[in-house]
Protein backbone atom coordinates (compact mmCIF):
# COMPACT_ATOMS: atom_id res chain seq x y z
CA UNK A 1 -19.21 6.50 12.19
CA UNK A 2 -16.85 5.73 9.39
CA UNK A 3 -17.46 7.21 5.77
CA UNK A 4 -16.58 5.55 3.07
CA UNK A 5 -15.65 7.13 -0.29
CA UNK A 6 -14.86 4.57 -3.41
CA UNK A 7 -11.68 4.57 -5.28
CA UNK A 8 -11.91 3.67 -8.52
CA UNK A 9 -14.85 4.25 -11.24
CA UNK A 10 -17.45 2.20 -11.45
CA UNK A 11 -15.59 0.20 -14.55
CA UNK A 12 -12.50 -0.16 -12.53
CA UNK A 13 -14.68 -1.03 -10.04
CA UNK A 14 -16.23 -3.81 -11.24
CA UNK A 15 -13.59 -4.93 -13.38
CA UNK A 16 -10.85 -4.98 -10.52
CA UNK A 17 -13.81 -7.46 -8.44
CA UNK A 18 -14.61 -9.78 -11.23
CA UNK A 19 -10.96 -10.93 -12.40
CA UNK A 20 -9.77 -10.87 -8.28
CA UNK A 21 -13.35 -13.25 -8.29
CA UNK A 22 -12.48 -14.94 -11.13
CA UNK A 23 -9.12 -16.06 -10.56
CA UNK A 24 -8.36 -16.49 -7.05
CA UNK A 25 -11.69 -16.64 -5.08
CA UNK A 26 -14.20 -19.17 -7.16
CA UNK A 27 -11.64 -21.81 -7.36
CA UNK A 28 -11.56 -21.71 -3.17
CA UNK A 29 -15.08 -21.22 -2.21
CA UNK A 30 -17.49 -22.54 -5.30
CA UNK A 31 -17.93 -26.13 -3.93
CA UNK A 32 -18.31 -25.23 -0.61
CA UNK A 33 -19.63 -22.41 -0.36
CA UNK A 34 -22.88 -22.06 -3.30
CA UNK A 35 -25.37 -19.56 -2.76
CA UNK A 36 -23.31 -17.88 0.35
CA UNK A 37 -22.27 -14.46 -0.41
CA UNK A 38 -18.45 -12.97 -0.68
CA UNK A 39 -17.13 -10.31 0.19
CA UNK A 40 -13.77 -9.16 -1.93
CA UNK A 41 -12.02 -6.49 -1.60
CA UNK A 42 -10.76 -5.38 -4.92
CA UNK A 43 -6.71 -3.95 -3.61
CA UNK A 44 -6.22 -6.37 -1.83
CA UNK A 45 -7.81 -9.91 -2.81
CA UNK A 46 -9.10 -10.33 0.47
CA UNK A 47 -12.02 -12.10 1.09
CA UNK A 48 -14.92 -13.07 3.91
CA UNK A 49 -17.95 -15.19 3.29
CA UNK A 50 -20.94 -15.59 4.52
CA UNK A 51 -24.70 -16.23 4.28
CA UNK A 52 -25.57 -12.60 4.20
CA UNK A 53 -24.07 -9.14 2.65
CA UNK A 54 -24.06 -7.54 6.01
CA UNK A 55 -22.16 -9.89 8.00
CA UNK A 56 -19.90 -10.65 5.00
CA UNK A 57 -18.77 -6.68 4.46
CA UNK A 58 -18.80 -6.36 8.16
CA UNK A 59 -16.23 -9.40 8.94
CA UNK A 60 -14.02 -7.73 5.75
CA UNK A 61 -13.86 -4.08 7.00
CA UNK A 62 -13.16 -6.00 10.36
CA UNK A 63 -10.32 -7.35 9.23
CA UNK A 64 -9.10 -4.46 6.64
CA UNK A 65 -11.03 -0.77 7.74
CA UNK A 66 -9.98 0.66 4.38
CA UNK A 67 -11.58 -2.43 2.15
CA UNK A 68 -13.72 -1.60 -1.58
CA UNK A 69 -15.74 -4.45 -1.57
CA UNK A 70 -16.82 -6.21 -4.40
CA UNK A 71 -19.80 -8.69 -3.80
CA UNK A 72 -20.54 -11.51 -5.13
CA UNK A 73 -23.64 -14.65 -4.84
CA UNK A 74 -20.78 -17.86 -4.99
CA UNK A 75 -22.16 -19.69 -8.30
CA UNK A 76 -24.36 -17.31 -9.10
CA UNK A 77 -24.91 -14.38 -11.64
CA UNK A 78 -26.82 -11.80 -9.30
CA UNK A 79 -26.99 -11.07 -5.40
CA UNK A 80 -30.25 -10.53 -5.33
CA UNK A 81 -32.94 -11.81 -7.32
CA UNK A 82 -36.54 -9.92 -8.62
CA UNK A 83 -39.34 -11.04 -9.38
CA UNK A 84 -41.13 -14.62 -9.50
CA UNK A 85 -38.92 -17.80 -10.14
CA UNK A 86 -39.70 -21.33 -10.44
CA UNK A 87 -39.48 -23.15 -6.80
CA UNK A 88 -38.40 -26.32 -8.77
CA UNK A 89 -34.90 -27.68 -8.63
CA UNK A 90 -33.36 -27.44 -12.18
CA UNK A 91 -32.25 -31.29 -13.62
């Protein structure tokens, strides 16, 4: 099993991930893959889209074994939700 170590501080990791998502990835995926997960390598900008986190990151690691993945749920602020939420769709 490969043990991967972060190469950036948490702050730098988040800054890189958010910047790449907003400038490069979001315009390509948001309209078609809303609600899915995207795993983005913060060093190369390469990304994979899937329904689940493990699927997206596994695909990314297959392509780039040394990837530093940043995970985003497309079209949402959070990857996971905690607690109750309304089942009604927004108007």
